[in-house]
N, C-alpha and C. Protein backbone atom coordinates (compact mmCIF):
# COMPACT_ATOMS: atom_id res chain seq x y z
N MET A 1 -63.43 218.11 -69.46
CA MET A 1 -64.45 217.13 -70.86
C MET A 1 -65.23 217.46 -70.92
N LYS A 2 -66.56 217.50 -71.40
CA LYS A 2 -67.87 217.50 -71.15
C LYS A 2 -67.92 215.91 -72.13
N ILE A 3 -68.48 214.86 -71.96
CA ILE A 3 -68.77 213.87 -72.55
C ILE A 3 -70.16 213.47 -72.89
N THR A 4 -70.49 213.65 -74.44
CA THR A 4 -71.49 213.65 -74.76
C THR A 4 -71.96 211.80 -75.13
N LEU A 5 -72.40 211.38 -74.84
CA LEU A 5 -73.26 210.18 -75.15
C LEU A 5 -74.49 210.01 -75.77
N GLN A 6 -74.42 209.17 -76.64
CA GLN A 6 -75.78 208.69 -77.74
C GLN A 6 -76.48 208.34 -76.94
N ARG A 7 -77.84 208.51 -77.19
CA ARG A 7 -78.62 207.93 -76.59
C ARG A 7 -79.22 206.77 -77.18
N VAL A 8 -79.56 205.35 -76.47
CA VAL A 8 -79.48 204.32 -78.41
C VAL A 8 -80.58 203.54 -77.07
N ALA A 9 -81.67 203.27 -77.98
CA ALA A 9 -82.58 201.99 -76.98
C ALA A 9 -81.51 200.60 -76.89
N PRO A 10 -81.88 199.88 -75.96
CA PRO A 10 -81.40 198.60 -75.60
C PRO A 10 -81.59 198.19 -76.99
N ALA A 11 -82.69 197.55 -77.57
CA ALA A 11 -82.98 196.66 -78.65
C ALA A 11 -82.28 196.88 -80.02
N GLU A 12 -82.25 198.79 -79.80
CA GLU A 12 -81.37 198.91 -81.08
C GLU A 12 -80.14 199.34 -81.22
N ILE A 13 -79.16 198.95 -80.12
CA ILE A 13 -77.82 199.22 -80.02
C ILE A 13 -76.97 198.40 -80.79
N GLU A 14 -77.29 197.04 -81.63
CA GLU A 14 -76.79 196.14 -82.50
C GLU A 14 -76.55 196.95 -83.91
N ALA A 15 -77.58 197.68 -84.14
CA ALA A 15 -78.33 197.72 -85.41
C ALA A 15 -77.62 199.17 -85.29
N ARG A 16 -77.53 199.96 -84.25
CA ARG A 16 -76.40 201.63 -84.39
C ARG A 16 -75.55 200.69 -84.76
N SER A 17 -74.65 200.00 -84.20
CA SER A 17 -72.87 199.57 -84.65
C SER A 17 -73.08 198.98 -85.65
N MET A 18 -73.42 198.46 -85.86
CA MET A 18 -73.84 197.80 -87.61
C MET A 18 -73.55 198.75 -88.79
N GLU A 19 -74.51 200.20 -88.48
CA GLU A 19 -74.41 201.68 -89.23
C GLU A 19 -72.74 201.69 -89.11
N ILE A 20 -72.91 202.16 -87.59
CA ILE A 20 -71.37 202.74 -87.58
C ILE A 20 -70.23 202.02 -88.45
N ILE A 21 -70.34 200.56 -88.42
CA ILE A 21 -69.10 199.37 -89.36
C ILE A 21 -69.36 199.79 -90.23
N GLY A 22 -70.67 199.33 -91.12
CA GLY A 22 -70.72 200.09 -92.03
C GLY A 22 -70.23 201.41 -92.86
N ALA A 23 -70.52 202.21 -92.25
CA ALA A 23 -70.10 203.19 -92.35
C ALA A 23 -68.45 203.74 -92.18
N GLU A 24 -67.72 203.02 -90.96
CA GLU A 24 -66.62 203.46 -90.90
C GLU A 24 -65.67 202.47 -92.08
N LEU A 25 -66.36 201.14 -92.62
CA LEU A 25 -65.37 200.51 -93.71
C LEU A 25 -66.26 201.20 -95.17
N GLY A 26 -66.42 202.02 -95.30
CA GLY A 26 -66.86 203.16 -96.44
C GLY A 26 -66.72 202.81 -97.42
N ALA A 27 -66.20 202.54 -98.67
CA ALA A 27 -66.50 202.59 -100.11
C ALA A 27 -65.83 201.05 -100.63
N ARG A 28 -65.31 200.20 -99.07
CA ARG A 28 -64.78 198.91 -99.74
C ARG A 28 -65.80 197.84 -99.62
N SER A 29 -65.57 197.07 -101.03
CA SER A 29 -66.41 196.32 -101.36
C SER A 29 -66.40 194.99 -101.27
N PHE A 30 -67.15 193.82 -100.93
CA PHE A 30 -67.43 192.52 -100.27
C PHE A 30 -68.45 191.86 -101.20
N PRO A 31 -67.85 190.99 -101.51
CA PRO A 31 -68.98 189.65 -101.65
C PRO A 31 -70.41 190.18 -100.55
N ALA A 32 -71.47 190.01 -101.17
CA ALA A 32 -72.36 191.03 -100.91
C ALA A 32 -72.99 189.67 -99.84
N ASP A 33 -72.36 188.25 -99.78
CA ASP A 33 -72.91 186.90 -98.68
C ASP A 33 -71.21 187.10 -97.71
N GLN A 34 -70.34 188.01 -97.93
CA GLN A 34 -69.26 187.65 -97.02
C GLN A 34 -69.30 188.97 -95.94
N LEU A 35 -70.08 190.17 -96.80
CA LEU A 35 -70.13 191.42 -96.05
C LEU A 35 -70.34 191.00 -94.20
N PRO A 36 -72.16 190.65 -94.69
CA PRO A 36 -72.25 190.31 -93.01
C PRO A 36 -71.57 189.24 -91.85
N VAL A 37 -70.70 188.54 -92.49
CA VAL A 37 -70.22 187.65 -91.71
C VAL A 37 -68.54 188.55 -91.52
N VAL A 38 -68.15 189.15 -92.61
CA VAL A 38 -66.93 190.92 -91.61
C VAL A 38 -67.56 191.43 -90.75
N LYS A 39 -68.82 191.99 -91.23
CA LYS A 39 -69.77 192.96 -90.10
C LYS A 39 -69.59 192.70 -88.43
N ARG A 40 -69.91 191.29 -88.48
CA ARG A 40 -70.04 190.31 -87.11
C ARG A 40 -68.88 189.94 -87.17
N VAL A 41 -67.80 190.15 -87.64
CA VAL A 41 -66.36 190.20 -86.62
C VAL A 41 -65.90 191.34 -86.34
N ILE A 42 -65.78 192.34 -86.86
CA ILE A 42 -66.08 193.44 -86.55
C ILE A 42 -66.64 193.70 -85.24
N HIS A 43 -67.86 193.78 -85.07
CA HIS A 43 -68.62 193.89 -83.84
C HIS A 43 -68.38 193.40 -83.03
N THR A 44 -67.79 192.08 -82.93
CA THR A 44 -67.91 191.79 -81.95
C THR A 44 -65.87 192.38 -81.35
N SER A 45 -65.53 192.33 -82.34
CA SER A 45 -63.83 192.98 -81.87
C SER A 45 -63.57 194.04 -82.12
N ALA A 46 -63.93 194.61 -82.28
CA ALA A 46 -64.13 196.21 -82.65
C ALA A 46 -62.43 196.65 -83.44
N ASP A 47 -62.69 195.11 -84.34
CA ASP A 47 -61.42 195.78 -85.45
C ASP A 47 -61.41 195.25 -86.60
N PHE A 48 -61.21 195.98 -87.27
CA PHE A 48 -61.26 196.33 -88.72
C PHE A 48 -59.99 195.65 -89.07
N ASP A 49 -59.34 195.94 -88.69
CA ASP A 49 -58.16 194.67 -89.33
C ASP A 49 -58.46 193.62 -89.83
N TYR A 50 -60.00 193.01 -89.18
CA TYR A 50 -60.92 191.85 -90.22
C TYR A 50 -61.10 192.09 -91.74
N ALA A 51 -61.24 193.36 -91.64
CA ALA A 51 -61.60 193.55 -93.06
C ALA A 51 -60.91 192.84 -94.32
N ASP A 52 -59.89 192.67 -93.94
CA ASP A 52 -58.45 192.85 -94.64
C ASP A 52 -58.05 191.47 -94.51
N ASN A 53 -58.26 190.96 -93.01
CA ASN A 53 -57.32 189.69 -92.51
C ASN A 53 -58.34 188.34 -92.95
N LEU A 54 -60.14 188.30 -92.91
CA LEU A 54 -60.58 187.60 -93.34
C LEU A 54 -60.67 186.59 -94.30
N VAL A 55 -59.97 185.22 -94.88
CA VAL A 55 -60.21 185.03 -96.05
C VAL A 55 -61.28 183.62 -96.51
N PHE A 56 -62.19 184.14 -97.15
CA PHE A 56 -62.80 182.96 -97.40
C PHE A 56 -62.33 182.18 -98.81
N SER A 57 -62.83 180.79 -98.54
CA SER A 57 -63.31 179.70 -100.19
C SER A 57 -64.01 180.16 -100.77
N GLU A 58 -63.69 179.64 -102.17
CA GLU A 58 -65.39 180.25 -103.00
C GLU A 58 -66.73 179.09 -102.31
N GLY A 59 -67.40 180.23 -102.29
CA GLY A 59 -68.92 179.35 -101.66
C GLY A 59 -68.73 178.73 -100.20
N ALA A 60 -67.69 179.29 -99.55
CA ALA A 60 -67.96 178.41 -98.57
C ALA A 60 -68.69 179.50 -97.78
N VAL A 61 -69.22 180.86 -97.60
CA VAL A 61 -70.37 181.50 -96.95
C VAL A 61 -71.44 180.47 -96.79
N ALA A 62 -72.00 179.69 -98.76
CA ALA A 62 -73.21 179.54 -99.14
C ALA A 62 -73.18 177.88 -98.48
N ARG A 63 -72.00 177.55 -98.21
CA ARG A 63 -71.84 175.78 -97.93
C ARG A 63 -71.98 176.01 -96.44
N GLY A 64 -71.58 176.94 -95.57
CA GLY A 64 -71.67 177.35 -94.34
C GLY A 64 -73.73 177.15 -93.97
N ILE A 65 -73.91 178.53 -94.89
CA ILE A 65 -75.73 178.35 -94.76
C ILE A 65 -75.91 177.09 -94.74
N ALA A 66 -75.83 176.19 -95.82
CA ALA A 66 -76.04 175.12 -96.33
C ALA A 66 -76.08 173.88 -95.18
N ALA A 67 -75.27 174.37 -94.31
CA ALA A 67 -74.71 172.85 -93.42
C ALA A 67 -75.84 174.00 -92.36
N VAL A 68 -75.77 175.08 -91.65
CA VAL A 68 -77.15 175.33 -90.51
C VAL A 68 -78.24 174.41 -90.77
N LYS A 69 -78.56 175.33 -92.00
CA LYS A 69 -80.43 174.75 -92.57
C LYS A 69 -80.22 173.32 -92.77
N GLY A 70 -79.26 172.57 -92.45
CA GLY A 70 -79.17 170.49 -92.60
C GLY A 70 -79.28 170.61 -91.76
N GLY A 71 -78.63 171.32 -90.68
CA GLY A 71 -78.69 170.68 -89.09
C GLY A 71 -77.44 170.58 -88.59
N CYS A 72 -76.38 170.74 -89.31
CA CYS A 72 -75.04 169.98 -88.84
C CYS A 72 -75.13 170.36 -87.13
N THR A 73 -73.54 170.15 -87.05
CA THR A 73 -73.10 169.71 -85.37
C THR A 73 -71.84 171.06 -85.82
N ILE A 74 -71.50 171.57 -84.88
CA ILE A 74 -70.88 172.73 -85.44
C ILE A 74 -70.12 172.22 -83.69
N VAL A 75 -68.90 171.62 -83.70
CA VAL A 75 -67.86 171.65 -83.36
C VAL A 75 -66.26 172.73 -82.96
N THR A 76 -66.74 173.29 -81.42
CA THR A 76 -66.20 174.36 -81.35
C THR A 76 -64.67 173.82 -80.61
N ASP A 77 -63.65 174.53 -80.55
CA ASP A 77 -62.21 174.11 -79.72
C ASP A 77 -62.09 174.49 -78.40
N THR A 78 -62.97 174.88 -77.70
CA THR A 78 -63.06 175.54 -76.20
C THR A 78 -65.15 175.95 -75.84
N GLN A 79 -64.57 175.87 -74.68
CA GLN A 79 -66.21 176.05 -73.68
C GLN A 79 -66.15 177.65 -74.38
N MET A 80 -65.62 178.40 -74.59
CA MET A 80 -65.95 180.07 -74.78
C MET A 80 -66.62 180.40 -76.18
N ALA A 81 -66.02 179.33 -77.55
CA ALA A 81 -67.06 179.43 -78.04
C ALA A 81 -68.29 178.79 -78.21
N TRP A 82 -68.08 177.80 -77.39
CA TRP A 82 -69.23 177.06 -77.81
C TRP A 82 -70.54 177.76 -76.89
N SER A 83 -70.23 179.24 -75.56
CA SER A 83 -70.91 179.53 -75.44
C SER A 83 -71.77 180.13 -75.90
N GLY A 84 -70.51 181.11 -76.42
CA GLY A 84 -71.11 182.01 -77.72
C GLY A 84 -72.08 181.63 -78.68
N VAL A 85 -71.96 181.15 -79.81
CA VAL A 85 -72.74 180.53 -80.71
C VAL A 85 -74.84 180.69 -80.29
N ASN A 86 -75.25 181.17 -81.10
CA ASN A 86 -76.51 180.94 -80.72
C ASN A 86 -77.29 179.68 -80.72
N LYS A 87 -77.10 178.86 -79.58
CA LYS A 87 -77.26 177.44 -80.07
C LYS A 87 -79.28 177.03 -79.96
N ARG A 88 -79.61 178.72 -79.44
CA ARG A 88 -81.17 178.31 -79.98
C ARG A 88 -82.13 178.72 -81.65
N VAL A 89 -81.13 179.17 -81.99
CA VAL A 89 -81.52 179.50 -83.76
C VAL A 89 -80.98 178.04 -83.93
N LEU A 90 -79.36 178.12 -84.55
CA LEU A 90 -79.18 176.40 -84.74
C LEU A 90 -79.62 175.46 -84.16
N GLU A 91 -80.91 175.34 -83.32
CA GLU A 91 -81.49 173.87 -82.69
C GLU A 91 -82.15 174.35 -84.24
N LYS A 92 -83.68 175.64 -84.34
CA LYS A 92 -84.50 175.83 -84.64
C LYS A 92 -84.29 174.49 -86.08
N PHE A 93 -83.14 174.52 -86.44
CA PHE A 93 -82.70 173.86 -87.64
C PHE A 93 -82.34 172.52 -87.26
N GLY A 94 -82.73 172.02 -86.00
CA GLY A 94 -81.75 170.72 -86.42
C GLY A 94 -80.68 170.51 -86.01
N GLY A 95 -79.80 171.30 -85.54
CA GLY A 95 -78.36 171.51 -85.42
C GLY A 95 -77.71 171.26 -83.66
N ARG A 96 -77.21 171.15 -83.97
CA ARG A 96 -76.58 171.48 -82.14
C ARG A 96 -74.88 172.06 -82.30
N ALA A 97 -74.23 172.60 -81.58
CA ALA A 97 -73.18 172.93 -81.15
C ALA A 97 -72.39 172.05 -80.06
N VAL A 98 -71.28 171.61 -80.04
CA VAL A 98 -70.81 170.78 -79.27
C VAL A 98 -69.09 170.77 -78.81
N CYS A 99 -68.56 170.68 -77.92
CA CYS A 99 -67.13 170.83 -77.60
C CYS A 99 -66.63 169.93 -76.86
N PHE A 100 -65.80 169.26 -76.96
CA PHE A 100 -64.90 168.23 -76.34
C PHE A 100 -64.05 168.74 -75.04
N MET A 101 -63.62 169.16 -75.46
CA MET A 101 -63.17 169.84 -74.44
C MET A 101 -62.25 169.44 -72.85
N SER A 102 -63.61 169.51 -72.36
CA SER A 102 -63.98 169.86 -71.15
C SER A 102 -64.44 167.90 -70.60
N ASP A 103 -63.76 166.63 -71.63
CA ASP A 103 -64.87 165.44 -71.58
C ASP A 103 -63.45 164.53 -70.47
N PRO A 104 -64.25 164.33 -69.74
CA PRO A 104 -63.05 164.21 -69.18
C PRO A 104 -61.79 162.58 -69.70
N ASP A 105 -62.87 161.66 -70.84
CA ASP A 105 -61.67 160.80 -71.11
C ASP A 105 -61.48 161.49 -71.85
N VAL A 106 -61.52 162.47 -72.30
CA VAL A 106 -60.74 163.44 -73.68
C VAL A 106 -59.26 163.45 -72.71
N ALA A 107 -59.79 164.05 -71.70
CA ALA A 107 -58.07 164.80 -70.70
C ALA A 107 -57.77 163.47 -70.48
N ALA A 108 -58.09 162.30 -70.16
CA ALA A 108 -57.50 161.48 -69.85
C ALA A 108 -56.18 160.68 -70.78
N GLU A 109 -57.24 160.73 -72.24
CA GLU A 109 -56.44 160.43 -73.21
C GLU A 109 -55.14 161.52 -73.31
N ALA A 110 -55.58 162.29 -73.62
CA ALA A 110 -54.44 163.84 -74.10
C ALA A 110 -53.58 163.23 -73.07
N LYS A 111 -53.54 162.82 -71.60
CA LYS A 111 -52.57 163.14 -71.03
C LYS A 111 -51.25 161.84 -71.21
N ALA A 112 -52.19 160.62 -70.94
CA ALA A 112 -51.95 159.62 -71.31
C ALA A 112 -50.86 159.23 -72.79
N ARG A 113 -51.57 159.95 -74.06
CA ARG A 113 -50.97 160.32 -75.20
C ARG A 113 -49.87 161.33 -75.27
N GLY A 114 -49.55 162.26 -73.93
CA GLY A 114 -48.90 163.15 -74.50
C GLY A 114 -48.73 164.01 -75.50
N GLU A 115 -50.42 164.39 -75.83
CA GLU A 115 -51.49 165.25 -77.05
C GLU A 115 -51.97 166.48 -76.56
N THR A 116 -52.22 167.77 -76.76
CA THR A 116 -52.71 168.15 -76.55
C THR A 116 -54.83 167.34 -76.31
N ARG A 117 -55.61 168.20 -75.03
CA ARG A 117 -56.97 168.24 -75.21
C ARG A 117 -57.08 168.10 -76.75
N ALA A 118 -56.86 169.51 -77.09
CA ALA A 118 -57.44 169.91 -78.74
C ALA A 118 -57.28 168.74 -79.94
N THR A 119 -56.00 168.25 -79.73
CA THR A 119 -55.72 167.22 -80.74
C THR A 119 -56.75 165.86 -80.21
N VAL A 120 -56.32 165.84 -79.34
CA VAL A 120 -57.74 164.74 -79.02
C VAL A 120 -59.26 165.28 -79.70
N SER A 121 -59.61 166.20 -78.97
CA SER A 121 -60.54 166.53 -79.23
C SER A 121 -61.04 166.49 -81.24
N MET A 122 -60.39 167.39 -81.95
CA MET A 122 -60.63 166.65 -82.82
C MET A 122 -60.92 165.52 -83.23
N GLU A 123 -60.08 164.78 -82.72
CA GLU A 123 -60.02 163.09 -83.22
C GLU A 123 -61.46 162.06 -82.71
N ARG A 124 -62.20 162.94 -81.64
CA ARG A 124 -63.29 162.91 -81.32
C ARG A 124 -64.63 163.30 -82.01
N ALA A 125 -63.90 164.57 -82.32
CA ALA A 125 -65.17 165.10 -83.58
C ALA A 125 -65.24 164.49 -85.13
N ALA A 126 -64.18 164.15 -85.50
CA ALA A 126 -64.20 163.31 -86.72
C ALA A 126 -65.00 162.54 -86.86
N ALA A 127 -65.16 161.93 -85.97
CA ALA A 127 -66.02 160.49 -85.78
C ALA A 127 -67.69 160.48 -85.96
N LEU A 128 -67.92 161.58 -85.34
CA LEU A 128 -69.32 162.48 -85.34
C LEU A 128 -69.66 161.75 -86.68
N GLU A 129 -71.11 161.60 -86.79
CA GLU A 129 -72.33 161.40 -88.24
C GLU A 129 -72.58 162.67 -88.68
N GLY A 130 -73.36 162.78 -90.05
CA GLY A 130 -73.30 163.87 -90.52
C GLY A 130 -72.57 164.71 -90.75
N SER A 131 -73.55 166.06 -91.61
CA SER A 131 -72.65 167.24 -91.63
C SER A 131 -71.60 167.75 -89.97
N VAL A 132 -70.75 168.42 -90.48
CA VAL A 132 -70.23 168.96 -89.40
C VAL A 132 -69.46 170.75 -89.69
N ILE A 133 -69.38 171.35 -88.88
CA ILE A 133 -68.35 172.46 -89.08
C ILE A 133 -67.63 172.58 -87.98
N PHE A 134 -66.41 173.06 -88.61
CA PHE A 134 -65.59 173.20 -87.19
C PHE A 134 -64.93 174.12 -87.32
N ALA A 135 -65.65 174.95 -85.75
CA ALA A 135 -64.84 176.14 -85.61
C ALA A 135 -63.88 175.89 -84.69
N ILE A 136 -62.65 176.60 -84.71
CA ILE A 136 -61.12 176.75 -83.79
C ILE A 136 -61.02 178.36 -84.17
N GLY A 137 -61.14 178.47 -82.02
CA GLY A 137 -60.52 180.36 -82.18
C GLY A 137 -59.30 179.86 -81.60
N ASN A 138 -59.17 178.60 -80.97
CA ASN A 138 -57.63 179.17 -79.93
C ASN A 138 -56.96 178.31 -80.00
N ALA A 139 -56.94 177.13 -80.24
CA ALA A 139 -55.75 176.02 -80.57
C ALA A 139 -55.48 175.77 -81.45
N PRO A 140 -54.23 175.91 -82.15
CA PRO A 140 -53.81 175.68 -83.44
C PRO A 140 -53.24 174.26 -83.65
N THR A 141 -53.18 173.65 -82.36
CA THR A 141 -53.07 172.00 -82.26
C THR A 141 -54.40 171.44 -82.79
N ALA A 142 -55.28 171.63 -82.77
CA ALA A 142 -56.32 171.56 -82.96
C ALA A 142 -56.92 171.73 -84.44
N LEU A 143 -56.17 172.68 -85.19
CA LEU A 143 -56.82 172.91 -86.18
C LEU A 143 -55.49 171.91 -87.54
N VAL A 144 -53.77 171.76 -86.67
CA VAL A 144 -53.16 170.85 -87.55
C VAL A 144 -53.94 169.67 -87.44
N ARG A 145 -54.01 169.33 -85.99
CA ARG A 145 -54.87 167.76 -85.98
C ARG A 145 -55.61 167.68 -87.61
N LEU A 146 -56.47 168.87 -87.28
CA LEU A 146 -57.90 168.43 -88.36
C LEU A 146 -57.45 168.42 -89.94
N CYS A 147 -56.72 168.85 -89.97
CA CYS A 147 -55.64 169.26 -91.29
C CYS A 147 -55.62 167.50 -91.38
N GLU A 148 -54.90 166.97 -90.74
CA GLU A 148 -54.19 165.94 -90.98
C GLU A 148 -55.10 164.56 -90.65
N LEU A 149 -56.14 164.78 -89.90
CA LEU A 149 -57.19 164.20 -90.35
C LEU A 149 -57.57 164.26 -91.86
N MET A 150 -57.95 165.02 -92.39
CA MET A 150 -58.65 165.48 -93.38
C MET A 150 -57.61 164.80 -93.96
N ASP A 151 -56.31 164.84 -94.72
CA ASP A 151 -55.41 164.22 -95.52
C ASP A 151 -55.62 162.93 -94.78
N GLU A 152 -55.75 161.95 -94.56
CA GLU A 152 -56.17 160.67 -94.09
C GLU A 152 -57.22 160.04 -94.75
N GLY A 153 -58.09 161.40 -94.92
CA GLY A 153 -59.64 160.61 -95.44
C GLY A 153 -60.05 160.39 -94.18
N LYS A 154 -59.75 161.05 -92.56
CA LYS A 154 -60.74 160.53 -91.65
C LYS A 154 -61.94 161.62 -90.90
N ALA A 155 -61.98 162.36 -92.19
CA ALA A 155 -62.54 163.67 -91.75
C ALA A 155 -62.67 164.91 -92.85
N ASP A 156 -63.73 165.53 -92.80
CA ASP A 156 -64.63 165.88 -94.47
C ASP A 156 -65.79 167.05 -93.61
N PRO A 157 -65.17 167.73 -93.39
CA PRO A 157 -65.83 168.65 -92.43
C PRO A 157 -66.54 169.49 -94.02
N ALA A 158 -68.04 170.22 -93.66
CA ALA A 158 -68.63 171.16 -94.68
C ALA A 158 -67.99 172.29 -94.67
N LEU A 159 -67.28 172.57 -93.39
CA LEU A 159 -66.61 174.18 -93.74
C LEU A 159 -65.78 174.48 -91.93
N VAL A 160 -64.14 174.64 -92.85
CA VAL A 160 -63.51 175.01 -91.23
C VAL A 160 -63.16 176.69 -91.35
N ILE A 161 -63.74 176.60 -89.51
CA ILE A 161 -63.17 178.35 -89.84
C ILE A 161 -62.10 178.43 -88.65
N GLY A 162 -61.34 178.60 -88.96
CA GLY A 162 -59.62 178.43 -88.91
C GLY A 162 -59.19 180.06 -88.63
N VAL A 163 -59.89 180.26 -87.06
CA VAL A 163 -59.32 181.50 -86.81
C VAL A 163 -58.41 181.51 -85.26
N PRO A 164 -57.91 180.46 -84.77
CA PRO A 164 -57.02 180.57 -83.77
C PRO A 164 -56.26 181.81 -83.41
N VAL A 165 -55.96 182.34 -82.33
CA VAL A 165 -54.97 183.17 -82.30
C VAL A 165 -53.72 183.40 -81.38
N GLY A 166 -52.94 183.56 -81.98
CA GLY A 166 -51.85 183.43 -80.39
C GLY A 166 -50.39 183.48 -81.49
N PHE A 167 -49.60 183.23 -81.13
CA PHE A 167 -48.00 183.24 -81.64
C PHE A 167 -47.25 182.14 -81.64
N VAL A 168 -47.18 180.81 -81.10
CA VAL A 168 -47.01 179.72 -81.40
C VAL A 168 -47.95 178.62 -82.46
N ASN A 169 -47.53 178.45 -83.70
CA ASN A 169 -47.65 178.05 -84.83
C ASN A 169 -49.09 178.42 -85.51
N VAL A 170 -49.45 179.56 -84.23
CA VAL A 170 -50.90 180.08 -85.02
C VAL A 170 -51.12 180.33 -86.78
N VAL A 171 -49.73 180.97 -87.14
CA VAL A 171 -49.80 181.73 -88.16
C VAL A 171 -49.52 180.02 -89.10
N GLU A 172 -48.62 179.86 -89.24
CA GLU A 172 -48.57 178.11 -89.33
C GLU A 172 -49.66 177.52 -89.69
N SER A 173 -50.26 177.25 -88.58
CA SER A 173 -51.58 175.84 -88.70
C SER A 173 -53.28 176.31 -89.50
N LYS A 174 -53.16 178.25 -89.47
CA LYS A 174 -54.08 178.32 -90.65
C LYS A 174 -53.65 178.57 -91.87
N GLU A 175 -52.04 178.61 -92.53
CA GLU A 175 -51.31 178.46 -93.93
C GLU A 175 -51.58 176.99 -94.21
N LEU A 176 -51.55 175.91 -92.97
CA LEU A 176 -51.88 174.62 -93.97
C LEU A 176 -53.04 174.72 -93.91
N LEU A 177 -54.18 174.70 -93.29
CA LEU A 177 -55.25 174.52 -93.51
C LEU A 177 -55.86 175.75 -95.16
N LEU A 178 -54.75 176.30 -95.51
CA LEU A 178 -54.83 177.23 -96.51
C LEU A 178 -54.46 176.08 -97.71
N THR A 179 -53.58 175.27 -97.57
CA THR A 179 -53.32 174.50 -98.47
C THR A 179 -54.37 173.19 -98.95
N THR A 180 -55.43 173.19 -98.18
CA THR A 180 -56.47 172.03 -98.41
C THR A 180 -57.29 172.12 -99.29
N ALA A 181 -57.97 171.16 -99.68
CA ALA A 181 -59.56 171.91 -100.42
C ALA A 181 -60.32 172.21 -99.94
N ALA A 182 -60.05 172.05 -97.84
CA ALA A 182 -61.46 172.07 -97.78
C ALA A 182 -62.06 173.60 -97.49
N PRO A 183 -63.40 173.47 -97.68
CA PRO A 183 -64.24 175.12 -97.38
C PRO A 183 -62.97 176.03 -96.47
N HIS A 184 -63.69 176.93 -95.88
CA HIS A 184 -63.24 177.69 -95.01
C HIS A 184 -63.47 179.12 -95.28
N ILE A 185 -63.43 179.40 -93.33
CA ILE A 185 -62.60 180.81 -93.54
C ILE A 185 -61.85 181.19 -92.54
N VAL A 186 -61.05 181.61 -92.72
CA VAL A 186 -59.42 181.76 -91.98
C VAL A 186 -59.28 183.57 -91.98
N ALA A 187 -58.86 183.41 -90.58
CA ALA A 187 -57.86 184.45 -90.24
C ALA A 187 -56.82 184.44 -90.28
N ARG A 188 -56.41 185.42 -91.57
CA ARG A 188 -54.83 185.30 -91.97
C ARG A 188 -53.99 186.32 -90.56
N GLY A 189 -52.62 185.51 -90.16
CA GLY A 189 -52.31 186.28 -89.53
C GLY A 189 -52.37 185.85 -87.45
N ARG A 190 -51.67 186.29 -86.90
CA ARG A 190 -52.22 186.02 -85.23
C ARG A 190 -53.26 185.90 -85.01
N LYS A 191 -54.30 187.60 -85.28
CA LYS A 191 -55.12 187.68 -84.53
C LYS A 191 -56.67 186.38 -84.69
N GLY A 192 -57.49 186.50 -84.11
CA GLY A 192 -58.56 184.74 -83.97
C GLY A 192 -58.95 185.31 -82.36
N GLY A 193 -59.64 184.28 -82.10
CA GLY A 193 -59.96 184.01 -80.96
C GLY A 193 -61.45 182.80 -80.48
N SER A 194 -61.57 182.86 -79.67
CA SER A 194 -63.12 181.66 -79.11
C SER A 194 -63.98 182.82 -79.77
N ASN A 195 -64.07 184.39 -79.63
CA ASN A 195 -65.15 185.16 -80.42
C ASN A 195 -64.99 185.32 -81.17
N VAL A 196 -64.36 184.91 -82.30
CA VAL A 196 -64.08 185.22 -83.53
C VAL A 196 -64.89 184.03 -84.30
N ALA A 197 -64.81 183.25 -83.51
CA ALA A 197 -64.93 181.91 -84.35
C ALA A 197 -66.51 181.37 -83.95
N ALA A 198 -66.83 182.13 -83.10
CA ALA A 198 -68.75 182.35 -82.44
C ALA A 198 -69.06 183.09 -83.20
N ALA A 199 -68.61 184.37 -83.70
CA ALA A 199 -69.58 185.62 -84.38
C ALA A 199 -69.74 184.62 -85.48
N ILE A 200 -68.64 184.51 -86.85
CA ILE A 200 -68.67 183.93 -87.81
C ILE A 200 -70.03 183.03 -87.53
N CYS A 201 -69.73 181.47 -86.43
CA CYS A 201 -70.66 180.73 -86.58
C CYS A 201 -72.21 181.43 -86.62
N ASN A 202 -72.12 182.43 -86.21
CA ASN A 202 -73.71 182.91 -85.07
C ASN A 202 -73.97 183.96 -86.94
N ALA A 203 -73.12 184.47 -87.66
CA ALA A 203 -73.20 185.25 -88.69
C ALA A 203 -74.18 184.53 -89.80
N LEU A 204 -73.75 182.96 -89.59
CA LEU A 204 -73.40 181.84 -90.19
C LEU A 204 -75.46 181.63 -90.05
N ILE A 205 -75.23 181.19 -89.03
CA ILE A 205 -76.34 180.73 -88.41
C ILE A 205 -77.48 182.13 -88.97
N TYR A 206 -77.06 183.22 -88.64
CA TYR A 206 -78.40 184.61 -88.78
C TYR A 206 -79.00 184.62 -90.15
N LEU A 207 -78.09 184.16 -91.08
CA LEU A 207 -78.32 184.40 -92.83
C LEU A 207 -78.65 183.32 -93.03
N ALA A 208 -78.57 182.02 -92.60
CA ALA A 208 -79.71 180.62 -93.02
C ALA A 208 -80.75 181.37 -92.41
N SER A 209 -81.24 181.48 -91.04
CA SER A 209 -82.41 182.04 -90.67
C SER A 209 -82.85 183.53 -91.59
N GLY A 210 -82.29 183.94 -92.52
CA GLY A 210 -82.89 184.75 -93.30
C GLY A 210 -83.11 185.88 -92.46
N ASN A 211 -82.17 186.51 -91.57
CA ASN A 211 -82.45 187.97 -90.87
C ASN A 211 -80.39 187.95 -90.41
N ALA A 212 -79.57 188.83 -91.53
CA ALA A 212 -78.32 188.58 -91.23
C ALA A 212 -78.12 189.81 -89.96
N ARG A 213 -79.01 190.28 -89.68
CA ARG A 213 -78.53 191.17 -88.32
C ARG A 213 -77.52 192.31 -88.77
N GLU A 214 -77.73 193.09 -89.62
CA GLU A 214 -76.74 193.62 -89.80
C GLU A 214 -77.49 194.59 -89.51
């Protein structure tokens, strides 16, 4: 079997990928501000199920963009998601990305209390000042605790990206978020992941910079 490879310049690979995604989405219609987010997630995962699974609260993308432009803090629940966020562009707006999962004191407190580090990380993040976007791509316990903190009046996120992946309490944690008034972007069902969380963050960052990178 002869295999024919496309000849694409390195700088054009992403643009070509977005063209392919757009073509395969076909005539499907998305709100203009949501389409770059959907395409960015599909680009990261090669999974077109996200065209159906992603749920946006009203004005979620606009709120995310405003938060980025205002120099927000993006909190992730994994170092992998933190690594994937384009911090160079985020920092141009005065923002930053943080993850508390590897902090020794978080680990010690979690062990002493019999809780997950993700739970304690959310409590730490709730104490941050200013505008905060929570990007949760791995731990449903983080999303559940964040919902509890919001219910307790201890957290008021600018946006919650709820895309944990897996089987135990994953679906339930996302559905719990959907019952709250928090602005959100959620991947319903079992799918998600740190790469998806970072992709959504980057879509918002690129939109804020005036370059959707489609």
